[in-house]
């Protein structure tokens, strides 16, 4: 009887540990890991109505159009991020970093290095693909009036960089 009770207790304990592990796994944010840009569309000066121009690149035209490799962005569990920009010679030319957080389907990225900026993007995630939409200052006119829509694909769940 004591053995049976001990066996049942062990089963319950192992079951609880398994459920706790599943609960912990389900709380891992789906954006953690390394993401690489696939495509982007920017509608310049859209906030006031029709855009003055539309800039588009996809995975086939990315490097020719932008003269950089697809951007590698790392989202970490401690709420930090960085976005590595490599030129076509594979030299790191820009690596903005800062903090990120999400509320519902809005991601807020606060860049602190090498410049200061705060951007709030709507996002939708489907498996290993995420789409971000946000107002940015693409044309560098001092106004966040350009609508950015970009797609990134998860490259890795590791966040070493």
N, C-alpha and C. Protein backbone atom coordinates (compact mmCIF):
# COMPACT_ATOMS: atom_id res chain seq x y z
N UNK A 1 0.81 -1.18 0.00
CA UNK A 1 0.00 0.00 0.00
C UNK A 1 0.87 1.26 0.00
N UNK A 2 1.90 1.27 0.82
CA UNK A 2 2.79 2.43 0.86
C UNK A 2 3.49 2.58 -0.48
N UNK A 3 3.89 1.45 -1.09
CA UNK A 3 4.52 1.51 -2.41
C UNK A 3 3.55 2.08 -3.44
N UNK A 4 2.33 1.67 -3.40
CA UNK A 4 1.33 2.16 -4.35
C UNK A 4 1.12 3.66 -4.15
N UNK A 5 1.03 4.08 -2.89
CA UNK A 5 0.85 5.50 -2.60
C UNK A 5 2.07 6.29 -3.07
N UNK A 6 3.26 5.74 -2.84
CA UNK A 6 4.49 6.38 -3.28
C UNK A 6 4.51 6.47 -4.81
N UNK A 7 4.10 5.39 -5.47
CA UNK A 7 4.06 5.38 -6.94
C UNK A 7 3.08 6.41 -7.47
N UNK A 8 1.90 6.49 -6.87
CA UNK A 8 0.90 7.49 -7.29
C UNK A 8 1.44 8.90 -7.04
N UNK A 9 2.07 9.09 -5.88
CA UNK A 9 2.63 10.40 -5.56
C UNK A 9 3.69 10.80 -6.58
N UNK A 10 4.54 9.85 -6.96
CA UNK A 10 5.58 10.12 -7.96
C UNK A 10 4.95 10.48 -9.30
N UNK A 11 3.91 9.76 -9.69
CA UNK A 11 3.22 10.05 -10.96
C UNK A 11 2.62 11.45 -10.93
N UNK A 12 1.99 11.80 -9.83
CA UNK A 12 1.39 13.13 -9.70
C UNK A 12 2.48 14.19 -9.76
N UNK A 13 3.58 13.96 -9.04
CA UNK A 13 4.68 14.91 -9.02
C UNK A 13 5.26 15.09 -10.42
N UNK A 14 5.51 13.98 -11.12
CA UNK A 14 6.06 14.07 -12.48
C UNK A 14 5.07 14.73 -13.42
N UNK A 15 3.79 14.44 -13.26
CA UNK A 15 2.76 15.06 -14.08
C UNK A 15 2.74 16.57 -13.86
N UNK A 16 2.82 16.99 -12.61
CA UNK A 16 2.82 18.42 -12.30
C UNK A 16 4.05 19.10 -12.88
N UNK A 17 5.22 18.44 -12.77
CA UNK A 17 6.43 19.01 -13.34
C UNK A 17 6.29 19.14 -14.85
N UNK A 18 5.72 18.13 -15.48
CA UNK A 18 5.52 18.17 -16.92
C UNK A 18 4.58 19.31 -17.30
N UNK A 19 3.49 19.50 -16.53
CA UNK A 19 2.55 20.59 -16.82
C UNK A 19 3.21 21.94 -16.59
N UNK A 20 4.03 22.05 -15.53
CA UNK A 20 4.73 23.31 -15.28
C UNK A 20 5.69 23.62 -16.42
N UNK A 21 6.39 22.60 -16.92
CA UNK A 21 7.31 22.81 -18.03
C UNK A 21 6.55 23.27 -19.26
N UNK A 22 5.39 22.65 -19.54
CA UNK A 22 4.58 23.06 -20.68
C UNK A 22 4.10 24.49 -20.51
N UNK A 23 3.71 24.86 -19.30
CA UNK A 23 3.26 26.23 -19.03
C UNK A 23 4.41 27.21 -19.26
N UNK A 24 5.63 26.85 -18.80
CA UNK A 24 6.79 27.70 -19.02
C UNK A 24 7.07 27.84 -20.50
N UNK A 25 7.01 26.73 -21.25
CA UNK A 25 7.28 26.77 -22.67
C UNK A 25 6.27 27.65 -23.40
N UNK A 26 5.02 27.61 -22.97
CA UNK A 26 4.00 28.39 -23.66
C UNK A 26 4.12 29.88 -23.38
N UNK A 27 4.88 30.27 -22.34
CA UNK A 27 5.06 31.68 -22.05
C UNK A 27 6.27 32.26 -22.76
N UNK A 28 7.02 31.46 -23.49
CA UNK A 28 8.14 31.97 -24.27
C UNK A 28 7.58 32.82 -25.41
N UNK A 29 8.06 34.05 -25.53
CA UNK A 29 7.52 34.95 -26.54
C UNK A 29 7.85 34.44 -27.94
N UNK A 30 6.88 34.43 -28.84
CA UNK A 30 7.11 33.89 -30.18
C UNK A 30 8.08 34.71 -31.03
N UNK A 31 8.45 35.91 -30.60
CA UNK A 31 9.39 36.71 -31.38
C UNK A 31 10.85 36.49 -30.99
N UNK A 32 11.10 35.72 -29.94
CA UNK A 32 12.48 35.50 -29.53
C UNK A 32 13.26 34.79 -30.63
N UNK A 33 14.49 35.23 -30.83
CA UNK A 33 15.35 34.58 -31.81
C UNK A 33 15.92 35.56 -32.81
N UNK A 34 16.52 34.99 -33.86
CA UNK A 34 17.11 35.77 -34.94
C UNK A 34 16.15 35.79 -36.12
N UNK A 35 15.89 36.99 -36.62
CA UNK A 35 14.98 37.19 -37.76
C UNK A 35 15.74 37.91 -38.86
N UNK A 36 15.43 37.55 -40.12
CA UNK A 36 16.06 38.21 -41.26
C UNK A 36 14.99 38.75 -42.20
N UNK A 37 15.24 39.97 -42.67
CA UNK A 37 14.28 40.61 -43.57
C UNK A 37 14.12 39.82 -44.86
N UNK A 38 12.88 39.75 -45.33
CA UNK A 38 12.55 39.09 -46.59
C UNK A 38 12.13 40.14 -47.62
N UNK A 39 11.26 41.05 -47.21
CA UNK A 39 10.80 42.10 -48.13
C UNK A 39 10.34 43.30 -47.33
N UNK A 40 10.17 44.41 -48.05
CA UNK A 40 9.60 45.59 -47.42
C UNK A 40 8.96 46.47 -48.48
N UNK A 41 7.96 47.19 -48.05
CA UNK A 41 7.30 48.20 -48.87
C UNK A 41 7.17 49.45 -48.01
N UNK A 42 7.57 50.58 -48.57
CA UNK A 42 7.42 51.85 -47.87
C UNK A 42 6.61 52.79 -48.76
N UNK A 43 5.51 53.28 -48.20
CA UNK A 43 4.69 54.27 -48.88
C UNK A 43 5.07 55.63 -48.31
N UNK A 44 5.87 56.37 -49.08
CA UNK A 44 6.45 57.63 -48.62
C UNK A 44 5.38 58.72 -48.57
N UNK A 45 5.38 59.48 -47.49
CA UNK A 45 4.44 60.59 -47.26
C UNK A 45 2.98 60.14 -47.30
N UNK A 46 2.68 58.96 -46.80
CA UNK A 46 1.32 58.42 -46.85
C UNK A 46 0.39 59.02 -45.81
N UNK A 47 0.94 59.51 -44.71
CA UNK A 47 0.09 59.95 -43.60
C UNK A 47 -0.90 61.05 -44.02
N UNK A 48 -0.54 61.84 -45.00
CA UNK A 48 -1.41 62.92 -45.46
C UNK A 48 -2.31 62.51 -46.62
N UNK A 49 -2.39 61.23 -46.91
CA UNK A 49 -3.22 60.77 -48.03
C UNK A 49 -2.47 59.80 -48.90
N UNK A 50 -2.56 60.02 -50.20
CA UNK A 50 -1.86 59.14 -51.14
C UNK A 50 -0.36 59.33 -51.01
N UNK A 51 0.40 58.23 -51.08
CA UNK A 51 1.85 58.35 -50.97
C UNK A 51 2.45 59.07 -52.19
N UNK A 52 3.55 59.80 -51.96
CA UNK A 52 4.23 60.47 -53.07
C UNK A 52 5.00 59.48 -53.92
N UNK A 53 5.42 58.38 -53.31
CA UNK A 53 6.07 57.29 -54.05
C UNK A 53 6.02 56.03 -53.20
N UNK A 54 6.23 54.91 -53.84
CA UNK A 54 6.24 53.61 -53.15
C UNK A 54 7.57 52.94 -53.46
N UNK A 55 8.24 52.51 -52.40
CA UNK A 55 9.51 51.80 -52.54
C UNK A 55 9.28 50.37 -52.11
N UNK A 56 9.67 49.41 -52.98
CA UNK A 56 9.47 47.99 -52.68
C UNK A 56 10.74 47.21 -52.99
N UNK A 57 11.05 46.28 -52.10
CA UNK A 57 12.09 45.29 -52.38
C UNK A 57 11.62 43.95 -51.86
N UNK A 58 12.07 42.89 -52.52
CA UNK A 58 11.78 41.54 -52.03
C UNK A 58 13.11 40.80 -51.90
N UNK A 59 13.04 39.52 -51.58
CA UNK A 59 14.27 38.77 -51.34
C UNK A 59 15.16 38.70 -52.57
N UNK A 60 14.59 38.87 -53.77
CA UNK A 60 15.37 38.79 -55.01
C UNK A 60 16.02 40.13 -55.37
N UNK A 61 15.44 41.23 -54.91
CA UNK A 61 15.96 42.56 -55.26
C UNK A 61 16.59 43.29 -54.08
N UNK A 62 16.55 42.68 -52.90
CA UNK A 62 17.00 43.32 -51.66
C UNK A 62 18.41 43.89 -51.79
N UNK A 63 19.37 43.03 -52.12
CA UNK A 63 20.77 43.45 -52.11
C UNK A 63 21.07 44.48 -53.19
N UNK A 64 20.54 44.31 -54.39
CA UNK A 64 20.77 45.28 -55.46
C UNK A 64 20.16 46.64 -55.12
N UNK A 65 18.97 46.63 -54.55
CA UNK A 65 18.28 47.89 -54.25
C UNK A 65 18.85 48.61 -53.04
N UNK A 66 19.17 47.88 -51.99
CA UNK A 66 19.59 48.49 -50.72
C UNK A 66 21.10 48.47 -50.49
N UNK A 67 21.82 47.66 -51.26
CA UNK A 67 23.27 47.53 -51.12
C UNK A 67 23.69 47.05 -49.74
N UNK A 68 22.83 46.26 -49.12
CA UNK A 68 23.16 45.59 -47.86
C UNK A 68 22.57 44.19 -47.90
N UNK A 69 23.08 43.33 -47.03
CA UNK A 69 22.50 42.00 -46.86
C UNK A 69 21.18 42.16 -46.10
N UNK A 70 20.31 41.15 -46.15
CA UNK A 70 19.11 41.22 -45.32
C UNK A 70 19.50 41.46 -43.85
N UNK A 71 18.79 42.36 -43.21
CA UNK A 71 19.10 42.75 -41.83
C UNK A 71 18.82 41.58 -40.89
N UNK A 72 19.72 41.36 -39.95
CA UNK A 72 19.58 40.31 -38.94
C UNK A 72 19.19 40.97 -37.62
N UNK A 73 17.99 40.70 -37.17
CA UNK A 73 17.52 41.28 -35.91
C UNK A 73 17.37 40.18 -34.88
N UNK A 74 17.91 40.44 -33.69
CA UNK A 74 17.88 39.48 -32.59
C UNK A 74 16.99 40.04 -31.48
N UNK A 75 15.92 39.32 -31.14
CA UNK A 75 15.05 39.67 -30.03
C UNK A 75 15.35 38.71 -28.88
N UNK A 76 15.74 39.25 -27.72
CA UNK A 76 16.12 38.43 -26.58
C UNK A 76 15.06 38.47 -25.49
N UNK A 77 15.08 37.43 -24.66
CA UNK A 77 14.12 37.31 -23.57
C UNK A 77 14.27 38.36 -22.49
N UNK A 78 15.43 39.02 -22.42
CA UNK A 78 15.61 40.07 -21.41
C UNK A 78 15.08 41.42 -21.90
N UNK A 79 14.42 41.42 -23.08
CA UNK A 79 13.83 42.65 -23.60
C UNK A 79 14.78 43.51 -24.40
N UNK A 80 15.93 42.97 -24.79
CA UNK A 80 16.87 43.74 -25.61
C UNK A 80 16.84 43.22 -27.05
N UNK A 81 17.30 44.07 -27.96
CA UNK A 81 17.41 43.68 -29.36
C UNK A 81 18.61 44.36 -29.98
N UNK A 82 19.06 43.84 -31.10
CA UNK A 82 19.98 44.56 -31.97
C UNK A 82 19.71 44.11 -33.40
N UNK A 83 20.03 44.99 -34.34
CA UNK A 83 19.77 44.74 -35.76
C UNK A 83 21.06 44.94 -36.55
N UNK A 84 21.67 43.85 -36.97
CA UNK A 84 22.94 43.91 -37.68
C UNK A 84 22.71 44.20 -39.17
N UNK A 85 23.40 45.24 -39.65
CA UNK A 85 23.35 45.63 -41.06
C UNK A 85 24.75 45.38 -41.65
N UNK A 86 24.83 44.45 -42.58
CA UNK A 86 26.09 44.12 -43.24
C UNK A 86 26.06 44.64 -44.67
N UNK A 87 27.19 45.21 -45.12
CA UNK A 87 27.25 45.60 -46.52
C UNK A 87 27.49 44.36 -47.38
N UNK A 88 27.61 44.54 -48.68
CA UNK A 88 27.75 43.40 -49.58
C UNK A 88 29.13 42.75 -49.49
N UNK A 89 30.06 43.38 -48.76
CA UNK A 89 31.37 42.78 -48.48
C UNK A 89 31.36 42.08 -47.12
N UNK A 90 30.18 41.95 -46.52
CA UNK A 90 29.98 41.30 -45.23
C UNK A 90 30.65 42.01 -44.07
N UNK A 91 30.82 43.33 -44.18
CA UNK A 91 31.32 44.14 -43.07
C UNK A 91 30.12 44.73 -42.33
N UNK A 92 30.16 44.65 -41.01
CA UNK A 92 29.10 45.23 -40.19
C UNK A 92 29.20 46.75 -40.28
N UNK A 93 28.14 47.40 -40.79
CA UNK A 93 28.17 48.85 -40.98
C UNK A 93 27.25 49.60 -40.03
N UNK A 94 26.28 48.91 -39.44
CA UNK A 94 25.35 49.53 -38.50
C UNK A 94 24.78 48.43 -37.62
N UNK A 95 24.66 48.72 -36.33
CA UNK A 95 24.13 47.72 -35.40
C UNK A 95 23.31 48.40 -34.30
N UNK A 96 22.17 49.00 -34.69
CA UNK A 96 21.36 49.65 -33.67
C UNK A 96 20.87 48.65 -32.63
N UNK A 97 20.75 49.14 -31.40
CA UNK A 97 20.31 48.26 -30.31
C UNK A 97 19.47 49.05 -29.32
N UNK A 98 18.75 48.31 -28.50
CA UNK A 98 17.90 48.94 -27.50
C UNK A 98 17.02 47.91 -26.83
N UNK A 99 15.79 48.33 -26.51
CA UNK A 99 14.86 47.44 -25.82
C UNK A 99 13.59 47.29 -26.65
N UNK A 100 12.89 46.18 -26.39
CA UNK A 100 11.62 45.93 -27.08
C UNK A 100 10.63 45.36 -26.09
N UNK A 101 9.36 45.61 -26.38
CA UNK A 101 8.28 45.03 -25.58
C UNK A 101 7.05 44.94 -26.47
N UNK A 102 6.11 44.09 -26.06
CA UNK A 102 4.88 43.95 -26.83
C UNK A 102 3.67 44.07 -25.90
N UNK A 103 2.62 44.62 -26.44
CA UNK A 103 1.31 44.65 -25.80
C UNK A 103 0.31 44.31 -26.89
N UNK A 104 -0.40 43.22 -26.68
CA UNK A 104 -1.31 42.71 -27.71
C UNK A 104 -0.53 42.52 -29.01
N UNK A 105 -0.89 43.19 -30.07
CA UNK A 105 -0.18 43.00 -31.34
C UNK A 105 0.66 44.23 -31.69
N UNK A 106 1.10 44.98 -30.68
CA UNK A 106 1.95 46.16 -30.90
C UNK A 106 3.31 45.91 -30.26
N UNK A 107 4.36 46.05 -31.07
CA UNK A 107 5.73 45.97 -30.55
C UNK A 107 6.29 47.38 -30.48
N UNK A 108 6.85 47.72 -29.34
CA UNK A 108 7.52 49.01 -29.19
C UNK A 108 9.01 48.74 -29.10
N UNK A 109 9.75 49.38 -30.00
CA UNK A 109 11.21 49.26 -30.02
C UNK A 109 11.78 50.63 -29.66
N UNK A 110 12.60 50.64 -28.61
CA UNK A 110 13.27 51.87 -28.20
C UNK A 110 14.75 51.69 -28.51
N UNK A 111 15.19 52.36 -29.55
CA UNK A 111 16.60 52.30 -29.95
C UNK A 111 17.37 53.31 -29.12
N UNK A 112 18.48 52.85 -28.53
CA UNK A 112 19.29 53.73 -27.68
C UNK A 112 20.71 53.90 -28.20
N UNK A 113 21.13 53.04 -29.13
CA UNK A 113 22.49 53.09 -29.63
C UNK A 113 22.50 52.68 -31.09
N UNK A 114 23.10 53.34 -32.00
CA UNK A 114 23.90 54.56 -31.89
C UNK A 114 23.08 55.84 -32.00
N UNK A 115 21.77 55.74 -32.04
CA UNK A 115 20.89 56.90 -32.09
C UNK A 115 19.68 56.60 -31.22
N UNK A 116 18.88 57.61 -30.95
CA UNK A 116 17.68 57.43 -30.13
C UNK A 116 16.44 57.50 -31.01
N UNK A 117 15.54 56.52 -30.83
CA UNK A 117 14.30 56.49 -31.59
C UNK A 117 13.34 55.54 -30.90
N UNK A 118 12.07 55.85 -30.97
CA UNK A 118 11.03 54.95 -30.47
C UNK A 118 10.04 54.71 -31.60
N UNK A 119 9.79 53.44 -31.89
CA UNK A 119 8.87 53.07 -32.96
C UNK A 119 7.91 52.02 -32.42
N UNK A 120 6.63 52.22 -32.67
CA UNK A 120 5.60 51.24 -32.31
C UNK A 120 5.07 50.63 -33.60
N UNK A 121 5.19 49.32 -33.72
CA UNK A 121 4.76 48.61 -34.93
C UNK A 121 3.65 47.63 -34.61
N UNK A 122 2.67 47.57 -35.48
CA UNK A 122 1.70 46.48 -35.43
C UNK A 122 2.42 45.26 -35.99
N UNK A 123 2.15 44.10 -35.42
CA UNK A 123 2.77 42.91 -35.99
C UNK A 123 1.80 41.74 -35.97
N UNK A 124 1.99 40.87 -36.95
CA UNK A 124 1.28 39.59 -36.99
C UNK A 124 2.32 38.53 -37.23
N UNK A 125 2.19 37.45 -36.50
CA UNK A 125 3.16 36.37 -36.62
C UNK A 125 2.42 35.10 -37.01
N UNK A 126 3.00 34.40 -37.97
CA UNK A 126 2.44 33.15 -38.45
C UNK A 126 3.59 32.16 -38.57
N UNK A 127 3.76 31.33 -37.55
CA UNK A 127 4.86 30.38 -37.55
C UNK A 127 6.19 31.11 -37.48
N UNK A 128 7.01 30.93 -38.51
CA UNK A 128 8.33 31.55 -38.55
C UNK A 128 8.38 32.79 -39.43
N UNK A 129 7.23 33.39 -39.68
CA UNK A 129 7.17 34.61 -40.49
C UNK A 129 6.42 35.68 -39.70
N UNK A 130 6.99 36.87 -39.66
CA UNK A 130 6.33 37.99 -38.97
C UNK A 130 6.26 39.17 -39.93
N UNK A 131 5.16 39.88 -39.88
CA UNK A 131 4.98 41.11 -40.67
C UNK A 131 4.84 42.27 -39.70
N UNK A 132 5.58 43.34 -39.97
CA UNK A 132 5.54 44.55 -39.16
C UNK A 132 5.00 45.70 -40.00
N UNK A 133 4.13 46.51 -39.42
CA UNK A 133 3.65 47.72 -40.07
C UNK A 133 3.76 48.88 -39.11
N UNK A 134 4.41 49.96 -39.53
CA UNK A 134 4.57 51.11 -38.64
C UNK A 134 4.90 52.38 -39.42
N UNK A 135 4.70 53.49 -38.75
CA UNK A 135 5.07 54.79 -39.31
C UNK A 135 6.54 55.05 -39.01
N UNK A 136 7.29 55.39 -40.05
CA UNK A 136 8.72 55.64 -39.92
C UNK A 136 9.08 56.92 -40.70
N UNK A 137 10.30 57.36 -40.52
CA UNK A 137 10.81 58.50 -41.29
C UNK A 137 11.78 57.98 -42.35
N UNK A 138 11.26 57.27 -43.33
CA UNK A 138 12.07 56.64 -44.37
C UNK A 138 12.83 57.68 -45.20
N UNK A 139 12.14 58.76 -45.55
CA UNK A 139 12.75 59.76 -46.42
C UNK A 139 13.56 60.81 -45.66
N UNK A 140 13.70 60.64 -44.37
CA UNK A 140 14.52 61.49 -43.50
C UNK A 140 14.17 62.97 -43.62
N UNK A 141 12.85 63.24 -43.64
CA UNK A 141 12.39 64.63 -43.68
C UNK A 141 12.01 65.14 -42.29
N UNK A 142 12.28 64.32 -41.26
CA UNK A 142 11.97 64.71 -39.89
C UNK A 142 10.57 64.34 -39.44
N UNK A 143 9.79 63.69 -40.30
CA UNK A 143 8.42 63.30 -39.97
C UNK A 143 8.24 61.79 -40.12
N UNK A 144 7.61 61.17 -39.14
CA UNK A 144 7.26 59.75 -39.27
C UNK A 144 5.92 59.67 -40.01
N UNK A 145 6.00 59.91 -41.32
CA UNK A 145 4.80 59.94 -42.15
C UNK A 145 4.87 58.94 -43.30
N UNK A 146 5.82 58.01 -43.19
CA UNK A 146 6.02 57.00 -44.23
C UNK A 146 5.60 55.64 -43.67
N UNK A 147 4.69 54.96 -44.36
CA UNK A 147 4.17 53.68 -43.87
C UNK A 147 5.08 52.55 -44.32
N UNK A 148 5.64 51.84 -43.35
CA UNK A 148 6.55 50.72 -43.57
C UNK A 148 5.80 49.42 -43.34
N UNK A 149 5.90 48.51 -44.28
CA UNK A 149 5.38 47.17 -44.11
C UNK A 149 6.50 46.21 -44.49
N UNK A 150 6.99 45.46 -43.52
CA UNK A 150 8.11 44.56 -43.76
C UNK A 150 7.82 43.16 -43.25
N UNK A 151 8.40 42.19 -43.94
CA UNK A 151 8.27 40.79 -43.54
C UNK A 151 9.64 40.26 -43.18
N UNK A 152 9.68 39.51 -42.08
CA UNK A 152 10.92 38.86 -41.66
C UNK A 152 10.64 37.39 -41.42
N UNK A 153 11.68 36.59 -41.62
CA UNK A 153 11.57 35.15 -41.40
C UNK A 153 12.53 34.77 -40.28
N UNK A 154 12.06 33.88 -39.40
CA UNK A 154 12.92 33.42 -38.31
C UNK A 154 14.04 32.58 -38.90
N UNK A 155 15.26 32.94 -38.55
CA UNK A 155 16.43 32.19 -39.00
C UNK A 155 16.89 31.21 -37.93
N UNK A 156 16.69 31.60 -36.67
CA UNK A 156 17.14 30.77 -35.55
C UNK A 156 16.39 31.18 -34.29
N UNK A 157 16.25 30.25 -33.37
CA UNK A 157 15.67 30.59 -32.07
C UNK A 157 16.75 31.04 -31.10
N UNK A 158 18.01 30.97 -31.50
CA UNK A 158 19.11 31.42 -30.64
C UNK A 158 19.20 32.93 -30.68
N UNK A 159 19.65 33.51 -29.59
CA UNK A 159 19.75 34.96 -29.48
C UNK A 159 21.13 35.37 -29.01
N UNK A 160 22.16 34.72 -29.52
CA UNK A 160 23.53 34.92 -29.05
C UNK A 160 24.08 36.31 -29.36
N UNK A 161 23.72 36.90 -30.47
CA UNK A 161 24.33 38.18 -30.87
C UNK A 161 23.68 39.35 -30.20
